[in-house]
C-alpha atoms as a PDB file:
ATOM      1  CA  UNK A   1     139.989  79.140  77.855  1.00  0.00           C
ATOM      2  CA  UNK A   2     138.962  77.044  80.825  1.00  0.00           C
ATOM      3  CA  UNK A   3     135.959  79.384  81.374  1.00  0.00           C
ATOM      4  CA  UNK A   4     134.857  79.096  77.739  1.00  0.00           C
ATOM      5  CA  UNK A   5     135.098  75.389  77.880  1.00  0.00           C
ATOM      6  CA  UNK A   6     132.938  75.208  81.018  1.00  0.00           C
ATOM      7  CA  UNK A   7     130.278  77.487  79.427  1.00  0.00           C
ATOM      8  CA  UNK A   8     130.147  75.359  76.228  1.00  0.00           C
ATOM      9  CA  UNK A   9     129.800  72.179  78.327  1.00  0.00           C
ATOM     10  CA  UNK A  10     127.099  73.851  80.433  1.00  0.00           C
ATOM     11  CA  UNK A  11     125.156  74.911  77.296  1.00  0.00           C
ATOM     12  CA  UNK A  12     125.419  71.451  75.830  1.00  0.00           C
ATOM     13  CA  UNK A  13     124.329  69.776  78.993  1.00  0.00           C
ATOM     14  CA  UNK A  14     121.511  72.208  79.513  1.00  0.00           C
ATOM     15  CA  UNK A  15     120.301  71.839  75.943  1.00  0.00           C
ATOM     16  CA  UNK A  16     120.234  68.112  76.375  1.00  0.00           C
ATOM     17  CA  UNK A  17     117.787  68.481  79.290  1.00  0.00           C
ATOM     18  CA  UNK A  18     115.473  70.819  77.345  1.00  0.00           C
ATOM     19  CA  UNK A  19     112.053  69.358  76.981  1.00  0.00           C
ATOM     20  CA  UNK A  20     109.660  69.341  74.001  1.00  0.00           C
ATOM     21  CA  UNK A  21     106.416  71.083  74.881  1.00  0.00           C
ATOM     22  CA  UNK A  22     102.999  69.663  73.958  1.00  0.00           C
ATOM     23  CA  UNK A  23     102.016  73.223  72.909  1.00  0.00           C
ATOM     24  CA  UNK A  24     104.034  72.842  69.690  1.00  0.00           C
ATOM     25  CA  UNK A  25     101.395  70.422  68.505  1.00  0.00           C
ATOM     26  CA  UNK A  26      98.427  72.707  69.186  1.00  0.00           C
ATOM     27  CA  UNK A  27      97.529  73.024  65.441  1.00  0.00           C
ATOM     28  CA  UNK A  28      97.797  69.278  64.766  1.00  0.00           C
ATOM     29  CA  UNK A  29      94.687  67.396  63.844  1.00  0.00           C
ATOM     30  CA  UNK A  30      92.669  65.439  64.829  1.00  0.00           C
ATOM     31  CA  UNK A  31      92.454  66.996  68.238  1.00  0.00           C
ATOM     32  CA  UNK A  32      92.965  64.520  71.091  1.00  0.00           C
ATOM     33  CA  UNK A  33      90.236  64.482  73.641  1.00  0.00           C
ATOM     34  CA  UNK A  34      91.036  61.741  76.172  1.00  0.00           C
ATOM     35  CA  UNK A  35      87.472  61.537  77.455  1.00  0.00           C
ATOM     36  CA  UNK A  36      86.351  60.595  73.847  1.00  0.00           C
ATOM     37  CA  UNK A  37      89.294  58.404  72.719  1.00  0.00           C
ATOM     38  CA  UNK A  38      89.616  56.504  76.029  1.00  0.00           C
ATOM     39  CA  UNK A  39      85.912  55.635  76.142  1.00  0.00           C
ATOM     40  CA  UNK A  40      84.754  52.099  75.449  1.00  0.00           C
ATOM     41  CA  UNK A  41      86.913  49.167  74.385  1.00  0.00           C
ATOM     42  CA  UNK A  42      90.528  49.596  73.005  1.00  0.00           C
ATOM     43  CA  UNK A  43      93.342  47.303  72.256  1.00  0.00           C
ATOM     44  CA  UNK A  44      97.068  47.991  72.076  1.00  0.00           C
ATOM     45  CA  UNK A  45     100.206  46.244  71.087  1.00  0.00           C
ATOM     46  CA  UNK A  46     103.579  47.238  72.375  1.00  0.00           C
ATOM     47  CA  UNK A  47     107.207  46.436  73.231  1.00  0.00           C
ATOM     48  CA  UNK A  48     109.899  47.454  75.673  1.00  0.00           C
ATOM     49  CA  UNK A  49     113.372  48.123  74.364  1.00  0.00           C
ATOM     50  CA  UNK A  50     116.377  48.478  76.631  1.00  0.00           C
ATOM     51  CA  UNK A  51     118.760  51.443  76.303  1.00  0.00           C
ATOM     52  CA  UNK A  52     120.662  49.607  73.525  1.00  0.00           C
ATOM     53  CA  UNK A  53     117.508  49.142  71.395  1.00  0.00           C
ATOM     54  CA  UNK A  54     117.089  45.458  72.120  1.00  0.00           C
ATOM     55  CA  UNK A  55     113.513  44.291  72.347  1.00  0.00           C
ATOM     56  CA  UNK A  56     113.201  42.833  75.802  1.00  0.00           C
ATOM     57  CA  UNK A  57     109.455  42.228  76.027  1.00  0.00           C
ATOM     58  CA  UNK A  58     106.462  42.384  73.738  1.00  0.00           C
ATOM     59  CA  UNK A  59     102.877  42.729  75.022  1.00  0.00           C
ATOM     60  CA  UNK A  60      99.205  43.056  74.193  1.00  0.00           C
ATOM     61  CA  UNK A  61      96.776  45.212  76.150  1.00  0.00           C
ATOM     62  CA  UNK A  62      93.004  45.040  76.353  1.00  0.00           C
ATOM     63  CA  UNK A  63      91.582  48.345  77.625  1.00  0.00           C
ATOM     64  CA  UNK A  64      88.197  49.538  78.738  1.00  0.00           C
ATOM     65  CA  UNK A  65      87.535  53.232  79.418  1.00  0.00           C
ATOM     66  CA  UNK A  66      84.541  54.797  81.154  1.00  0.00           C
ATOM     67  CA  UNK A  67      83.948  58.517  81.914  1.00  0.00           C
ATOM     68  CA  UNK A  68      81.634  60.397  84.206  1.00  0.00           C
ATOM     69  CA  UNK A  69      81.894  64.125  83.837  1.00  0.00           C
ATOM     70  CA  UNK A  70      85.566  64.951  84.034  1.00  0.00           C
ATOM     71  CA  UNK A  71      86.705  61.699  85.644  1.00  0.00           C
ATOM     72  CA  UNK A  72      87.606  58.617  83.712  1.00  0.00           C
ATOM     73  CA  UNK A  73      88.495  55.069  84.693  1.00  0.00           C
ATOM     74  CA  UNK A  74      90.834  53.149  82.309  1.00  0.00           C
ATOM     75  CA  UNK A  75      91.207  49.440  82.940  1.00  0.00           C
ATOM     76  CA  UNK A  76      94.295  47.947  81.322  1.00  0.00           C
ATOM     77  CA  UNK A  77      94.915  44.140  81.115  1.00  0.00           C
ATOM     78  CA  UNK A  78      98.438  43.305  79.917  1.00  0.00           C
ATOM     79  CA  UNK A  79      99.551  39.937  78.521  1.00  0.00           C
ATOM     80  CA  UNK A  80     103.325  39.826  78.004  1.00  0.00           C
ATOM     81  CA  UNK A  81     105.202  37.625  75.462  1.00  0.00           C
ATOM     82  CA  UNK A  82     106.522  35.427  78.376  1.00  0.00           C
ATOM     83  CA  UNK A  83     102.971  34.568  79.400  1.00  0.00           C
ATOM     84  CA  UNK A  84     102.846  36.880  82.479  1.00  0.00           C
ATOM     85  CA  UNK A  85      99.925  39.167  83.008  1.00  0.00           C
ATOM     86  CA  UNK A  86      99.344  42.475  84.748  1.00  0.00           C
ATOM     87  CA  UNK A  87      96.412  44.711  85.488  1.00  0.00           C
ATOM     88  CA  UNK A  88      96.472  48.465  85.943  1.00  0.00           C
ATOM     89  CA  UNK A  89      93.475  50.672  86.667  1.00  0.00           C
ATOM     90  CA  UNK A  90      93.859  54.421  86.066  1.00  0.00           C
ATOM     91  CA  UNK A  91      91.716  57.137  87.447  1.00  0.00           C
ATOM     92  CA  UNK A  92      92.131  60.136  85.089  1.00  0.00           C
ATOM     93  CA  UNK A  93      90.832  63.629  85.938  1.00  0.00           C
ATOM     94  CA  UNK A  94      90.474  66.389  83.324  1.00  0.00           C
ATOM     95  CA  UNK A  95      91.537  69.548  85.145  1.00  0.00           C
ATOM     96  CA  UNK A  96      90.923  71.987  82.345  1.00  0.00           C
ATOM     97  CA  UNK A  97      91.121  72.142  78.513  1.00  0.00           C
ATOM     98  CA  UNK A  98      94.725  71.032  78.450  1.00  0.00           C
ATOM     99  CA  UNK A  99      95.675  69.460  81.771  1.00  0.00           C
ATOM    100  CA  UNK A 100      95.015  66.002  83.305  1.00  0.00           C
ATOM    101  CA  UNK A 101      96.091  64.118  86.335  1.00  0.00           C
ATOM    102  CA  UNK A 102      96.051  60.360  86.854  1.00  0.00           C
ATOM    103  CA  UNK A 103      96.550  57.837  89.565  1.00  0.00           C
ATOM    104  CA  UNK A 104      96.920  54.051  89.638  1.00  0.00           C
ATOM    105  CA  UNK A 105      97.978  51.556  92.318  1.00  0.00           C
ATOM    106  CA  UNK A 106     101.592  51.305  90.907  1.00  0.00           C
ATOM    107  CA  UNK A 107     101.996  55.056  90.100  1.00  0.00           C
ATOM    108  CA  UNK A 108     103.973  56.805  92.785  1.00  0.00           C
ATOM    109  CA  UNK A 109     102.159  60.061  93.488  1.00  0.00           C
ATOM    110  CA  UNK A 110     100.121  61.617  90.659  1.00  0.00           C
ATOM    111  CA  UNK A 111     100.727  61.495  86.924  1.00  0.00           C
ATOM    112  CA  UNK A 112     100.616  64.923  85.312  1.00  0.00           C
ATOM    113  CA  UNK A 113      99.453  65.306  81.670  1.00  0.00           C
ATOM    114  CA  UNK A 114      99.205  68.131  79.210  1.00  0.00           C
ATOM    115  CA  UNK A 115      97.415  67.910  75.886  1.00  0.00           C
ATOM    116  CA  UNK A 116      97.442  70.198  72.871  1.00  0.00           C
ATOM    117  CA  UNK A 117      96.285  69.381  69.346  1.00  0.00           C
ATOM    118  CA  UNK A 118      96.766  65.653  68.698  1.00  0.00           C
ATOM    119  CA  UNK A 119      99.420  65.134  71.387  1.00  0.00           C
ATOM    120  CA  UNK A 120      99.452  64.355  75.142  1.00  0.00           C
ATOM    121  CA  UNK A 121     102.502  64.248  77.329  1.00  0.00           C
ATOM    122  CA  UNK A 122     102.208  62.230  80.603  1.00  0.00           C
ATOM    123  CA  UNK A 123     104.986  62.402  83.225  1.00  0.00           C
ATOM    124  CA  UNK A 124     104.901  60.082  86.218  1.00  0.00           C
ATOM    125  CA  UNK A 125     106.885  57.624  88.366  1.00  0.00           C
ATOM    126  CA  UNK A 126     105.979  53.966  88.191  1.00  0.00           C
ATOM    127  CA  UNK A 127     106.833  51.374  90.861  1.00  0.00           C
ATOM    128  CA  UNK A 128     108.201  48.728  88.485  1.00  0.00           C
ATOM    129  CA  UNK A 129     108.809  45.208  89.772  1.00  0.00           C
ATOM    130  CA  UNK A 130     111.996  43.613  88.346  1.00  0.00           C
ATOM    131  CA  UNK A 131     113.438  40.296  89.598  1.00  0.00           C
ATOM    132  CA  UNK A 132     111.778  40.465  92.972  1.00  0.00           C
ATOM    133  CA  UNK A 133     112.686  44.152  93.663  1.00  0.00           C
ATOM    134  CA  UNK A 134     110.641  47.241  93.003  1.00  0.00           C
ATOM    135  CA  UNK A 135     112.258  50.306  91.338  1.00  0.00           C
ATOM    136  CA  UNK A 136     110.712  53.743  91.090  1.00  0.00           C
ATOM    137  CA  UNK A 137     111.171  54.677  87.392  1.00  0.00           C
ATOM    138  CA  UNK A 138     110.330  57.913  85.678  1.00  0.00           C
ATOM    139  CA  UNK A 139     108.148  57.830  82.534  1.00  0.00           C
ATOM    140  CA  UNK A 140     108.110  60.617  79.911  1.00  0.00           C
ATOM    141  CA  UNK A 141     105.125  59.374  77.995  1.00  0.00           C
ATOM    142  CA  UNK A 142     103.971  60.886  74.628  1.00  0.00           C
ATOM    143  CA  UNK A 143     100.704  59.925  72.940  1.00  0.00           C
ATOM    144  CA  UNK A 144      99.843  61.059  69.357  1.00  0.00           C
ATOM    145  CA  UNK A 145      96.390  60.633  67.853  1.00  0.00           C
ATOM    146  CA  UNK A 146      96.698  59.575  64.205  1.00  0.00           C
ATOM    147  CA  UNK A 147      93.040  59.270  63.350  1.00  0.00           C
ATOM    148  CA  UNK A 148      89.794  58.474  65.021  1.00  0.00           C
ATOM    149  CA  UNK A 149      90.845  54.847  65.708  1.00  0.00           C
ATOM    150  CA  UNK A 150      94.667  54.850  66.011  1.00  0.00           C
ATOM    151  CA  UNK A 151      96.889  56.428  68.626  1.00  0.00           C
ATOM    152  CA  UNK A 152     100.721  55.957  68.848  1.00  0.00           C
ATOM    153  CA  UNK A 153     102.587  56.035  72.172  1.00  0.00           C
ATOM    154  CA  UNK A 154     106.239  56.321  73.019  1.00  0.00           C
ATOM    155  CA  UNK A 155     107.546  56.507  76.609  1.00  0.00           C
ATOM    156  CA  UNK A 156     111.137  57.025  77.709  1.00  0.00           C
ATOM    157  CA  UNK A 157     111.972  55.387  81.013  1.00  0.00           C
ATOM    158  CA  UNK A 158     114.720  56.740  83.209  1.00  0.00           C
ATOM    159  CA  UNK A 159     116.145  56.475  86.657  1.00  0.00           C
ATOM    160  CA  UNK A 160     118.377  59.189  88.273  1.00  0.00           C
ATOM    161  CA  UNK A 161     118.408  60.869  84.849  1.00  0.00           C
ATOM    162  CA  UNK A 162     119.814  57.751  83.120  1.00  0.00           C
ATOM    163  CA  UNK A 163     117.776  56.492  80.143  1.00  0.00           C
ATOM    164  CA  UNK A 164     116.769  52.811  80.805  1.00  0.00           C
ATOM    165  CA  UNK A 165     114.789  52.219  77.701  1.00  0.00           C
ATOM    166  CA  UNK A 166     111.621  52.900  75.760  1.00  0.00           C
ATOM    167  CA  UNK A 167     108.107  51.578  75.517  1.00  0.00           C
ATOM    168  CA  UNK A 168     106.280  51.818  72.179  1.00  0.00           C
ATOM    169  CA  UNK A 169     102.631  51.130  71.761  1.00  0.00           C
ATOM    170  CA  UNK A 170      99.947  51.313  69.068  1.00  0.00           C
ATOM    171  CA  UNK A 171      96.349  51.711  70.256  1.00  0.00           C
ATOM    172  CA  UNK A 172      93.162  50.852  68.216  1.00  0.00           C
ATOM    173  CA  UNK A 173      89.886  52.250  69.371  1.00  0.00           C
ATOM    174  CA  UNK A 174      86.756  50.139  69.033  1.00  0.00           C
ATOM    175  CA  UNK A 175      88.570  46.917  69.194  1.00  0.00           C
ATOM    176  CA  UNK A 176      86.529  44.035  70.673  1.00  0.00           C
ATOM    177  CA  UNK A 177      87.603  43.422  74.172  1.00  0.00           C
ATOM    178  CA  UNK A 178      87.379  39.769  74.970  1.00  0.00           C
ATOM    179  CA  UNK A 179      86.432  38.498  78.417  1.00  0.00           C
ATOM    180  CA  UNK A 180      88.608  39.574  81.230  1.00  0.00           C
END
């Protein structure tokens, strides 16, 4: 009986760690091409929710993307609901038809992305400043292209395998980017 209980627990725990694959979205349209969607001005609106679902912070982002061959630069300027601001500049490299890598000053190591159909899954560690300390937090970041202008983004944040919260964003392509 003890062995059966251990096997059931192992299966439940193992299943909880199973990951969704971007490949399951391969047939979804419109197809997401980062070098096309993240080109030019974009705007995004989002929020961070803690693990209990409470909205902790809302934010607005002005983005500007440029590409040269397989390498893109994405400038992100955040304005948070408390008035604070933040800037992140990504360098994104298209490795092949489905794989991307990305770096930014506050990304620990290299972000790894895989795109199929209308979906992209980014995985990375972000050096996140909180109350004067910096924490290395894992992001499991999913982006879904809805149409030529709108992309939805949901990222789950975790530390030591413990879910800390979620970031939800809505992007709009072609939005006028006001002066930086």
